[in-house]
N, C-alpha and C. Protein backbone atom coordinates (compact mmCIF):
# COMPACT_ATOMS: atom_id res chain seq x y z
N UNK A 1 110.82 100.51 75.19
CA UNK A 1 109.83 101.53 74.91
C UNK A 1 109.89 102.58 76.03
N UNK A 2 110.01 103.84 75.63
CA UNK A 2 110.05 104.89 76.64
C UNK A 2 108.64 105.30 77.08
N UNK A 3 108.56 106.15 78.08
CA UNK A 3 107.28 106.54 78.67
C UNK A 3 106.35 107.17 77.65
N UNK A 4 106.89 108.06 76.81
CA UNK A 4 106.04 108.75 75.84
C UNK A 4 105.51 107.82 74.77
N UNK A 5 106.33 106.85 74.32
CA UNK A 5 105.88 105.87 73.34
C UNK A 5 104.80 104.97 73.94
N UNK A 6 105.01 104.62 75.22
CA UNK A 6 104.01 103.78 75.90
C UNK A 6 102.68 104.52 76.01
N UNK A 7 102.75 105.79 76.40
CA UNK A 7 101.55 106.59 76.53
C UNK A 7 100.82 106.69 75.19
N UNK A 8 101.53 106.96 74.12
CA UNK A 8 100.90 107.06 72.80
C UNK A 8 100.26 105.73 72.38
N UNK A 9 100.96 104.64 72.67
CA UNK A 9 100.39 103.31 72.29
C UNK A 9 99.15 103.00 73.08
N UNK A 10 99.14 103.28 74.38
CA UNK A 10 97.97 103.02 75.21
C UNK A 10 96.83 103.93 74.80
N UNK A 11 97.13 105.19 74.62
CA UNK A 11 96.09 106.19 74.25
C UNK A 11 95.41 105.80 72.95
N UNK A 12 96.14 105.21 72.01
CA UNK A 12 95.58 104.83 70.71
C UNK A 12 94.57 103.67 70.82
N UNK A 13 94.54 102.99 71.97
CA UNK A 13 93.69 101.83 72.12
C UNK A 13 92.37 102.09 72.84
N UNK A 14 92.06 103.38 73.03
CA UNK A 14 90.84 103.73 73.78
C UNK A 14 90.26 105.03 73.31
N UNK A 15 88.97 105.26 73.64
CA UNK A 15 88.37 106.55 73.30
C UNK A 15 89.00 107.67 74.18
N UNK A 16 88.85 108.88 73.70
CA UNK A 16 89.42 110.05 74.39
C UNK A 16 88.93 110.14 75.82
N UNK A 17 87.65 109.85 76.06
CA UNK A 17 87.10 109.94 77.41
C UNK A 17 87.81 108.98 78.36
N UNK A 18 88.09 107.76 77.90
CA UNK A 18 88.80 106.79 78.75
C UNK A 18 90.23 107.23 78.97
N UNK A 19 90.85 107.85 77.93
CA UNK A 19 92.22 108.31 78.12
C UNK A 19 92.27 109.41 79.20
N UNK A 20 91.27 110.27 79.27
CA UNK A 20 91.20 111.28 80.32
C UNK A 20 91.14 110.62 81.69
N UNK A 21 90.39 109.51 81.77
CA UNK A 21 90.33 108.75 83.02
C UNK A 21 91.73 108.21 83.35
N UNK A 22 92.43 107.63 82.39
CA UNK A 22 93.77 107.08 82.61
C UNK A 22 94.71 108.20 83.12
N UNK A 23 94.62 109.37 82.51
CA UNK A 23 95.45 110.48 82.98
C UNK A 23 95.13 110.82 84.44
N UNK A 24 93.84 110.80 84.75
CA UNK A 24 93.45 111.05 86.15
C UNK A 24 93.98 110.01 87.10
N UNK A 25 93.95 108.74 86.69
CA UNK A 25 94.50 107.68 87.52
C UNK A 25 96.02 107.82 87.64
N UNK A 26 96.69 108.24 86.58
CA UNK A 26 98.14 108.48 86.65
C UNK A 26 98.44 109.57 87.71
N UNK A 27 97.78 110.69 87.59
CA UNK A 27 98.04 111.80 88.51
C UNK A 27 97.69 111.42 89.95
N UNK A 28 96.56 110.78 90.14
CA UNK A 28 96.11 110.39 91.46
C UNK A 28 97.01 109.33 92.06
N UNK A 29 97.48 108.36 91.26
CA UNK A 29 98.40 107.34 91.74
C UNK A 29 99.71 107.94 92.25
N UNK A 30 100.23 108.91 91.48
CA UNK A 30 101.48 109.57 91.89
C UNK A 30 101.24 110.32 93.22
N UNK A 31 100.13 111.06 93.29
CA UNK A 31 99.81 111.81 94.49
C UNK A 31 99.66 110.88 95.70
N UNK A 32 98.94 109.78 95.56
CA UNK A 32 98.74 108.83 96.64
C UNK A 32 100.07 108.15 97.03
N UNK A 33 100.87 107.81 96.04
CA UNK A 33 102.18 107.19 96.32
C UNK A 33 103.05 108.11 97.16
N UNK A 34 103.06 109.37 96.83
CA UNK A 34 103.83 110.35 97.63
C UNK A 34 103.24 110.48 99.04
N UNK A 35 101.93 110.51 99.15
CA UNK A 35 101.27 110.69 100.45
C UNK A 35 101.52 109.50 101.36
N UNK A 36 101.48 108.27 100.79
CA UNK A 36 101.52 107.08 101.64
C UNK A 36 102.88 106.33 101.60
N UNK A 37 103.86 106.90 100.91
CA UNK A 37 105.18 106.31 100.95
C UNK A 37 105.45 105.17 100.01
N UNK A 38 104.86 105.23 98.83
CA UNK A 38 105.16 104.23 97.81
C UNK A 38 105.97 104.91 96.70
N UNK A 39 106.37 104.17 95.70
CA UNK A 39 107.20 104.69 94.61
C UNK A 39 106.31 105.35 93.54
N UNK A 40 106.38 106.66 93.37
CA UNK A 40 105.54 107.35 92.39
C UNK A 40 105.75 106.87 90.95
N UNK A 41 106.98 106.54 90.59
CA UNK A 41 107.25 106.12 89.22
C UNK A 41 106.59 104.76 88.91
N UNK A 42 106.65 103.85 89.86
CA UNK A 42 106.02 102.55 89.66
C UNK A 42 104.51 102.69 89.67
N UNK A 43 104.00 103.57 90.53
CA UNK A 43 102.55 103.82 90.56
C UNK A 43 102.07 104.40 89.23
N UNK A 44 102.84 105.33 88.69
CA UNK A 44 102.46 105.92 87.41
C UNK A 44 102.52 104.87 86.28
N UNK A 45 103.55 104.03 86.27
CA UNK A 45 103.66 102.99 85.23
C UNK A 45 102.45 102.07 85.27
N UNK A 46 102.07 101.60 86.46
CA UNK A 46 100.89 100.75 86.55
C UNK A 46 99.64 101.47 86.11
N UNK A 47 99.52 102.74 86.46
CA UNK A 47 98.36 103.55 86.07
C UNK A 47 98.28 103.74 84.56
N UNK A 48 99.41 103.98 83.92
CA UNK A 48 99.40 104.14 82.46
C UNK A 48 98.82 102.91 81.78
N UNK A 49 99.16 101.72 82.30
CA UNK A 49 98.79 100.49 81.63
C UNK A 49 97.55 99.81 82.20
N UNK A 50 96.97 100.37 83.28
CA UNK A 50 95.90 99.63 83.96
C UNK A 50 94.67 99.34 83.08
N UNK A 51 94.37 100.17 82.12
CA UNK A 51 93.21 99.95 81.24
C UNK A 51 93.60 99.67 79.79
N UNK A 52 94.82 99.19 79.57
CA UNK A 52 95.31 99.00 78.23
C UNK A 52 94.38 98.08 77.40
N UNK A 53 93.77 97.11 78.04
CA UNK A 53 92.91 96.13 77.32
C UNK A 53 91.43 96.43 77.50
N UNK A 54 91.09 97.51 78.14
CA UNK A 54 89.68 97.82 78.49
C UNK A 54 88.75 97.82 77.27
N UNK A 55 89.19 98.29 76.15
CA UNK A 55 88.32 98.41 74.99
C UNK A 55 88.60 97.33 73.94
N UNK A 56 89.30 96.32 74.32
CA UNK A 56 89.47 95.18 73.42
C UNK A 56 88.14 94.44 73.33
N UNK A 57 87.84 93.81 72.21
CA UNK A 57 86.61 93.00 72.10
C UNK A 57 86.60 91.90 73.17
N UNK A 58 85.42 91.65 73.75
CA UNK A 58 85.33 90.65 74.78
C UNK A 58 85.73 89.27 74.27
N UNK A 59 85.48 88.99 72.99
CA UNK A 59 85.89 87.70 72.43
C UNK A 59 87.42 87.55 72.51
N UNK A 60 88.10 88.62 72.23
CA UNK A 60 89.60 88.59 72.24
C UNK A 60 90.08 88.37 73.68
N UNK A 61 89.48 89.11 74.64
CA UNK A 61 89.91 88.93 76.03
C UNK A 61 89.59 87.53 76.53
N UNK A 62 88.42 87.01 76.18
CA UNK A 62 88.03 85.68 76.57
C UNK A 62 89.00 84.62 76.03
N UNK A 63 89.40 84.81 74.78
CA UNK A 63 90.33 83.88 74.14
C UNK A 63 91.69 83.92 74.87
N UNK A 64 92.14 85.13 75.23
CA UNK A 64 93.42 85.26 75.94
C UNK A 64 93.30 84.61 77.33
N UNK A 65 92.21 84.81 78.02
CA UNK A 65 92.03 84.20 79.34
C UNK A 65 92.11 82.67 79.21
N UNK A 66 91.45 82.11 78.20
CA UNK A 66 91.48 80.66 78.00
C UNK A 66 92.88 80.17 77.56
N UNK A 67 93.45 80.82 76.57
CA UNK A 67 94.71 80.32 75.98
C UNK A 67 95.90 80.56 76.89
N UNK A 68 95.92 81.63 77.64
CA UNK A 68 97.09 81.96 78.46
C UNK A 68 96.94 81.43 79.89
N UNK A 69 95.93 80.60 80.12
CA UNK A 69 95.74 80.00 81.42
C UNK A 69 95.58 80.99 82.56
N UNK A 70 94.90 82.12 82.26
CA UNK A 70 94.55 83.06 83.30
C UNK A 70 93.43 82.41 84.12
N UNK A 71 93.11 82.92 85.31
CA UNK A 71 92.06 82.29 86.13
C UNK A 71 90.75 82.10 85.35
N UNK A 72 90.39 80.85 85.12
CA UNK A 72 89.24 80.53 84.28
C UNK A 72 87.91 80.97 84.94
N UNK A 73 87.87 81.13 86.26
CA UNK A 73 86.67 81.57 86.91
C UNK A 73 86.26 82.98 86.45
N UNK A 74 87.21 83.74 85.93
CA UNK A 74 86.87 85.08 85.42
C UNK A 74 85.75 84.99 84.37
N UNK A 75 85.77 83.94 83.58
CA UNK A 75 84.80 83.79 82.50
C UNK A 75 83.37 83.64 83.00
N UNK A 76 83.21 83.32 84.30
CA UNK A 76 81.88 83.17 84.88
C UNK A 76 81.35 84.47 85.46
N UNK A 77 82.14 85.50 85.47
CA UNK A 77 81.76 86.77 86.09
C UNK A 77 81.73 87.90 85.05
N UNK A 78 81.37 89.05 85.53
CA UNK A 78 81.20 90.23 84.67
C UNK A 78 82.44 90.50 83.82
N UNK A 79 82.20 90.77 82.56
CA UNK A 79 83.29 91.01 81.61
C UNK A 79 84.11 92.25 81.96
N UNK A 80 83.55 93.13 82.82
CA UNK A 80 84.28 94.32 83.27
C UNK A 80 85.55 93.92 84.03
N UNK A 81 85.61 92.73 84.57
CA UNK A 81 86.79 92.27 85.30
C UNK A 81 87.93 91.84 84.37
N UNK A 82 87.60 91.43 83.16
CA UNK A 82 88.53 90.74 82.30
C UNK A 82 89.74 91.57 81.92
N UNK A 83 89.54 92.88 81.71
CA UNK A 83 90.62 93.70 81.18
C UNK A 83 91.83 93.82 82.12
N UNK A 84 91.60 93.58 83.40
CA UNK A 84 92.71 93.75 84.37
C UNK A 84 93.75 92.62 84.24
N UNK A 85 93.35 91.35 84.35
CA UNK A 85 94.36 90.29 84.17
C UNK A 85 94.89 90.24 82.75
N UNK A 86 94.04 90.51 81.77
CA UNK A 86 94.53 90.55 80.39
C UNK A 86 95.51 91.72 80.23
N UNK A 87 95.23 92.86 80.85
CA UNK A 87 96.13 94.00 80.79
C UNK A 87 97.48 93.71 81.42
N UNK A 88 97.51 92.96 82.50
CA UNK A 88 98.78 92.59 83.13
C UNK A 88 99.61 91.74 82.18
N UNK A 89 98.97 90.82 81.50
CA UNK A 89 99.65 89.95 80.53
C UNK A 89 100.22 90.82 79.41
N UNK A 90 99.39 91.75 78.90
CA UNK A 90 99.81 92.63 77.81
C UNK A 90 100.96 93.54 78.26
N UNK A 91 100.88 94.04 79.48
CA UNK A 91 101.94 94.90 80.00
C UNK A 91 103.29 94.20 79.97
N UNK A 92 103.25 92.94 80.35
CA UNK A 92 104.49 92.16 80.35
C UNK A 92 104.92 91.79 78.95
N UNK A 93 103.99 91.24 78.16
CA UNK A 93 104.32 90.70 76.84
C UNK A 93 104.63 91.80 75.81
N UNK A 94 103.79 92.84 75.80
CA UNK A 94 103.91 93.86 74.73
C UNK A 94 104.67 95.10 75.14
N UNK A 95 104.71 95.39 76.46
CA UNK A 95 105.34 96.62 76.91
C UNK A 95 106.60 96.38 77.74
N UNK A 96 106.95 95.12 77.93
CA UNK A 96 108.20 94.76 78.57
C UNK A 96 108.26 95.04 80.08
N UNK A 97 107.10 95.14 80.72
CA UNK A 97 107.10 95.36 82.18
C UNK A 97 107.47 94.05 82.87
N UNK A 98 108.48 94.10 83.72
CA UNK A 98 108.91 92.89 84.42
C UNK A 98 108.74 93.00 85.91
N UNK A 99 108.41 94.17 86.43
CA UNK A 99 108.24 94.35 87.87
C UNK A 99 106.96 93.63 88.33
N UNK A 100 107.09 92.55 89.13
CA UNK A 100 105.90 91.77 89.52
C UNK A 100 104.86 92.60 90.28
N UNK A 101 105.32 93.56 91.06
CA UNK A 101 104.35 94.37 91.83
C UNK A 101 103.57 95.31 90.93
N UNK A 102 104.20 95.86 89.91
CA UNK A 102 103.49 96.70 88.93
C UNK A 102 102.49 95.84 88.18
N UNK A 103 102.93 94.65 87.76
CA UNK A 103 102.01 93.74 87.07
C UNK A 103 100.82 93.36 87.93
N UNK A 104 101.07 93.12 89.21
CA UNK A 104 99.96 92.79 90.13
C UNK A 104 99.03 93.99 90.36
N UNK A 105 99.60 95.19 90.36
CA UNK A 105 98.77 96.40 90.50
C UNK A 105 97.80 96.53 89.32
N UNK A 106 98.27 96.17 88.15
CA UNK A 106 97.40 96.15 86.95
C UNK A 106 96.39 95.00 87.08
N UNK A 107 96.91 93.82 87.39
CA UNK A 107 96.09 92.59 87.45
C UNK A 107 94.92 92.69 88.42
N UNK A 108 95.14 93.36 89.57
CA UNK A 108 94.11 93.37 90.62
C UNK A 108 93.43 94.73 90.81
N UNK A 109 93.56 95.63 89.84
CA UNK A 109 92.98 96.97 90.05
C UNK A 109 91.46 96.96 90.02
N UNK A 110 90.81 95.96 89.47
CA UNK A 110 89.36 95.90 89.47
C UNK A 110 88.79 95.05 90.57
N UNK A 111 89.52 94.02 90.99
CA UNK A 111 88.97 93.07 91.95
C UNK A 111 89.55 93.22 93.34
N UNK A 112 90.79 93.69 93.42
CA UNK A 112 91.50 93.59 94.67
C UNK A 112 91.85 92.14 94.94
N UNK A 113 92.48 91.88 96.10
CA UNK A 113 92.83 90.53 96.52
C UNK A 113 93.28 90.56 97.96
N UNK A 114 93.39 89.39 98.55
CA UNK A 114 93.97 89.28 99.90
C UNK A 114 95.43 89.63 99.81
N UNK A 115 95.93 90.40 100.78
CA UNK A 115 97.36 90.70 100.83
C UNK A 115 97.82 91.68 99.81
N UNK A 116 96.98 92.64 99.44
CA UNK A 116 97.40 93.65 98.46
C UNK A 116 98.59 94.44 99.00
N UNK A 117 99.56 94.70 98.12
CA UNK A 117 100.68 95.57 98.49
C UNK A 117 100.20 97.02 98.50
N UNK A 118 101.02 97.88 99.06
CA UNK A 118 100.67 99.31 99.05
C UNK A 118 100.51 99.82 97.63
N UNK A 119 101.37 99.40 96.73
CA UNK A 119 101.24 99.84 95.32
C UNK A 119 99.95 99.38 94.72
N UNK A 120 99.56 98.14 94.97
CA UNK A 120 98.28 97.63 94.46
C UNK A 120 97.12 98.44 94.99
N UNK A 121 97.16 98.72 96.29
CA UNK A 121 96.08 99.51 96.90
C UNK A 121 95.99 100.88 96.29
N UNK A 122 97.14 101.49 96.06
CA UNK A 122 97.17 102.85 95.53
C UNK A 122 96.58 102.92 94.12
N UNK A 123 96.95 102.00 93.25
CA UNK A 123 96.44 102.02 91.88
C UNK A 123 94.92 101.71 91.87
N UNK A 124 94.50 100.76 92.66
CA UNK A 124 93.07 100.42 92.77
C UNK A 124 92.29 101.62 93.28
N UNK A 125 92.81 102.25 94.33
CA UNK A 125 92.16 103.41 94.91
C UNK A 125 92.12 104.60 93.93
N UNK A 126 93.21 104.82 93.25
CA UNK A 126 93.27 105.91 92.25
C UNK A 126 92.23 105.69 91.16
N UNK A 127 92.02 104.44 90.79
CA UNK A 127 91.02 104.12 89.77
C UNK A 127 89.62 104.48 90.27
N UNK A 128 89.37 104.28 91.54
CA UNK A 128 88.07 104.67 92.13
C UNK A 128 87.87 106.16 92.20
N UNK A 129 88.91 106.92 92.58
CA UNK A 129 88.70 108.30 93.00
C UNK A 129 89.30 109.39 92.16
N UNK A 130 89.87 109.03 91.00
CA UNK A 130 90.46 110.08 90.16
C UNK A 130 89.42 111.18 89.88
N UNK A 131 89.87 112.40 89.58
CA UNK A 131 88.96 113.55 89.56
C UNK A 131 87.73 113.45 88.67
N UNK A 132 87.77 112.68 87.58
CA UNK A 132 86.59 112.63 86.71
C UNK A 132 85.54 111.65 87.18
N UNK A 133 85.86 110.85 88.16
CA UNK A 133 84.88 109.86 88.66
C UNK A 133 83.75 110.57 89.44
N UNK A 134 82.55 110.20 89.14
CA UNK A 134 81.38 110.69 89.83
C UNK A 134 80.38 109.57 90.02
N UNK A 135 80.20 109.11 91.24
CA UNK A 135 79.22 108.09 91.56
C UNK A 135 78.89 108.22 93.06
N UNK A 136 77.79 107.68 93.51
CA UNK A 136 77.46 107.78 94.94
C UNK A 136 78.55 107.17 95.77
N UNK A 137 79.05 107.94 96.73
CA UNK A 137 80.09 107.45 97.63
C UNK A 137 81.49 107.88 97.27
N UNK A 138 81.72 108.46 96.11
CA UNK A 138 83.09 108.82 95.70
C UNK A 138 83.68 109.90 96.61
N UNK A 139 82.84 110.81 97.12
CA UNK A 139 83.38 111.83 98.00
C UNK A 139 83.85 111.24 99.33
N UNK A 140 83.15 110.22 99.80
CA UNK A 140 83.59 109.53 101.03
C UNK A 140 84.96 108.86 100.80
N UNK A 141 85.12 108.26 99.64
CA UNK A 141 86.40 107.62 99.28
C UNK A 141 87.50 108.65 99.29
N UNK A 142 87.25 109.79 98.65
CA UNK A 142 88.26 110.86 98.59
C UNK A 142 88.62 111.39 99.97
N UNK A 143 87.59 111.54 100.83
CA UNK A 143 87.84 112.05 102.18
C UNK A 143 88.69 111.04 102.97
N UNK A 144 88.33 109.77 102.89
CA UNK A 144 89.09 108.76 103.61
C UNK A 144 90.54 108.70 103.10
N UNK A 145 90.73 108.94 101.78
CA UNK A 145 92.08 108.86 101.21
C UNK A 145 93.00 109.98 101.68
N UNK A 146 92.47 110.96 102.35
CA UNK A 146 93.34 111.98 102.93
C UNK A 146 94.20 111.40 104.05
N UNK A 147 93.69 110.33 104.69
CA UNK A 147 94.37 109.81 105.87
C UNK A 147 94.71 108.32 105.83
N UNK A 148 93.91 107.53 105.10
CA UNK A 148 94.10 106.08 105.13
C UNK A 148 93.77 105.45 103.76
N UNK A 149 94.77 104.80 103.18
CA UNK A 149 94.52 104.12 101.94
C UNK A 149 93.59 102.93 102.17
N UNK A 150 93.71 102.27 103.30
CA UNK A 150 92.88 101.10 103.60
C UNK A 150 91.42 101.50 103.80
N UNK A 151 91.15 102.54 104.57
CA UNK A 151 89.78 102.98 104.81
C UNK A 151 89.14 103.46 103.49
N UNK A 152 89.91 104.15 102.69
CA UNK A 152 89.40 104.65 101.41
C UNK A 152 89.10 103.50 100.46
N UNK A 153 89.99 102.52 100.42
CA UNK A 153 89.79 101.39 99.54
C UNK A 153 88.62 100.53 99.99
N UNK A 154 88.46 100.39 101.31
CA UNK A 154 87.30 99.70 101.86
C UNK A 154 86.02 100.39 101.43
N UNK A 155 85.98 101.71 101.48
CA UNK A 155 84.82 102.46 101.01
C UNK A 155 84.58 102.23 99.52
N UNK A 156 85.64 102.08 98.75
CA UNK A 156 85.51 101.79 97.34
C UNK A 156 84.91 100.41 97.10
N UNK A 157 85.43 99.42 97.79
CA UNK A 157 84.87 98.08 97.63
C UNK A 157 83.44 98.02 98.09
N UNK A 158 83.12 98.71 99.20
CA UNK A 158 81.73 98.76 99.66
C UNK A 158 80.83 99.36 98.59
N UNK A 159 81.29 100.39 97.94
CA UNK A 159 80.51 101.04 96.87
C UNK A 159 80.27 100.06 95.71
N UNK A 160 81.31 99.36 95.30
CA UNK A 160 81.20 98.40 94.21
C UNK A 160 80.22 97.27 94.58
N UNK A 161 80.42 96.71 95.76
CA UNK A 161 79.58 95.59 96.19
C UNK A 161 78.11 96.04 96.29
N UNK A 162 77.85 97.20 96.85
CA UNK A 162 76.49 97.73 96.95
C UNK A 162 75.89 97.89 95.55
N UNK A 163 76.65 98.47 94.62
CA UNK A 163 76.18 98.63 93.25
C UNK A 163 75.82 97.30 92.62
N UNK A 164 76.67 96.31 92.79
CA UNK A 164 76.41 94.99 92.19
C UNK A 164 75.19 94.34 92.81
N UNK A 165 75.02 94.47 94.12
CA UNK A 165 73.83 93.92 94.80
C UNK A 165 72.57 94.60 94.26
N UNK A 166 72.61 95.93 94.13
CA UNK A 166 71.46 96.66 93.64
C UNK A 166 71.09 96.29 92.21
N UNK A 167 72.11 95.92 91.43
CA UNK A 167 71.84 95.52 90.02
C UNK A 167 71.56 94.03 89.90
N UNK A 168 71.60 93.30 91.04
CA UNK A 168 71.31 91.88 90.99
C UNK A 168 72.41 91.08 90.33
N UNK A 169 73.65 91.58 90.39
CA UNK A 169 74.79 90.90 89.77
C UNK A 169 75.57 90.07 90.76
N UNK A 170 76.31 89.12 90.23
CA UNK A 170 77.18 88.30 91.06
C UNK A 170 78.39 89.10 91.47
N UNK A 171 78.92 88.81 92.64
CA UNK A 171 80.09 89.51 93.15
C UNK A 171 81.28 88.59 93.03
N UNK A 172 82.35 89.06 92.42
CA UNK A 172 83.56 88.25 92.27
C UNK A 172 84.13 87.93 93.65
N UNK A 173 84.36 86.67 93.97
CA UNK A 173 84.81 86.31 95.31
C UNK A 173 86.09 87.01 95.80
N UNK A 174 86.99 87.30 94.85
CA UNK A 174 88.24 87.96 95.22
C UNK A 174 87.98 89.35 95.81
N UNK A 175 86.94 90.03 95.33
CA UNK A 175 86.58 91.36 95.86
C UNK A 175 86.07 91.25 97.28
N UNK A 176 85.25 90.27 97.55
CA UNK A 176 84.77 90.05 98.92
C UNK A 176 85.97 89.70 99.82
N UNK A 177 86.86 88.86 99.38
CA UNK A 177 88.04 88.51 100.16
C UNK A 177 88.94 89.70 100.41
N UNK A 178 89.09 90.55 99.39
CA UNK A 178 89.92 91.77 99.53
C UNK A 178 89.31 92.70 100.58
N UNK A 179 88.00 92.85 100.53
CA UNK A 179 87.28 93.71 101.48
C UNK A 179 87.50 93.17 102.89
N UNK A 180 87.29 91.86 103.08
CA UNK A 180 87.45 91.24 104.39
C UNK A 180 88.88 91.41 104.91
N UNK A 181 89.85 91.28 104.01
CA UNK A 181 91.25 91.45 104.40
C UNK A 181 91.54 92.87 104.86
N UNK A 182 90.95 93.86 104.18
CA UNK A 182 91.14 95.26 104.61
C UNK A 182 90.54 95.47 106.00
N UNK A 183 89.38 94.89 106.24
CA UNK A 183 88.77 95.01 107.58
C UNK A 183 89.70 94.40 108.63
N UNK A 184 90.27 93.24 108.34
CA UNK A 184 91.23 92.59 109.26
C UNK A 184 92.41 93.50 109.53
N UNK A 185 92.95 94.08 108.45
CA UNK A 185 94.13 94.97 108.60
C UNK A 185 93.78 96.18 109.47
N UNK A 186 92.62 96.76 109.25
CA UNK A 186 92.22 97.93 110.05
C UNK A 186 91.99 97.57 111.50
N UNK A 187 91.39 96.39 111.74
CA UNK A 187 91.19 95.96 113.11
C UNK A 187 92.51 95.70 113.82
N UNK A 188 93.47 95.07 113.13
CA UNK A 188 94.77 94.82 113.72
C UNK A 188 95.52 96.12 114.00
N UNK A 189 95.35 97.10 113.11
CA UNK A 189 96.03 98.38 113.33
C UNK A 189 95.48 99.12 114.56
N UNK A 190 94.21 98.88 114.87
CA UNK A 190 93.57 99.53 116.03
C UNK A 190 94.00 98.88 117.33
N UNK A 191 94.35 97.60 117.26
CA UNK A 191 94.69 96.85 118.51
C UNK A 191 96.08 97.19 119.01
């Protein structure tokens, strides 16, 4: 499947507003990849597919998580997390993506994880800060992204965690671990 066919297929699975978001993540991922020394083509590929399962029925995503032996703990947390690991499976199964780093960038774009690669950080960060995003703290994320992908992504995780606390929601442990790992990386870089 070529790039244009993939784009048309993904676009057909979501509302126009979400497709505009995906386009913003594509452009921002490429820009960040160039700025921080990652591969723009791989960043764009992950960005194209990052929300491929976002609008699938939750019953369908839940069934895939159970049947395909994806992390079962996902089922205990907010359904907003589900589309990322399901999307990675779909990217591989239905779109023929074999690059493990691209698949991980899709898989962890909502939660983060310990030991994120630069590509994973870029796609996750682009999802936070693409031009159509508007939420408290997004301008801080964009400002930090001028100089540091880690500081910007830390600001993104802080924003998510604060939002979840304010809403009285549970926080996915992987996100807390990812945040802590970024703090460790930043501290080590300062030493």
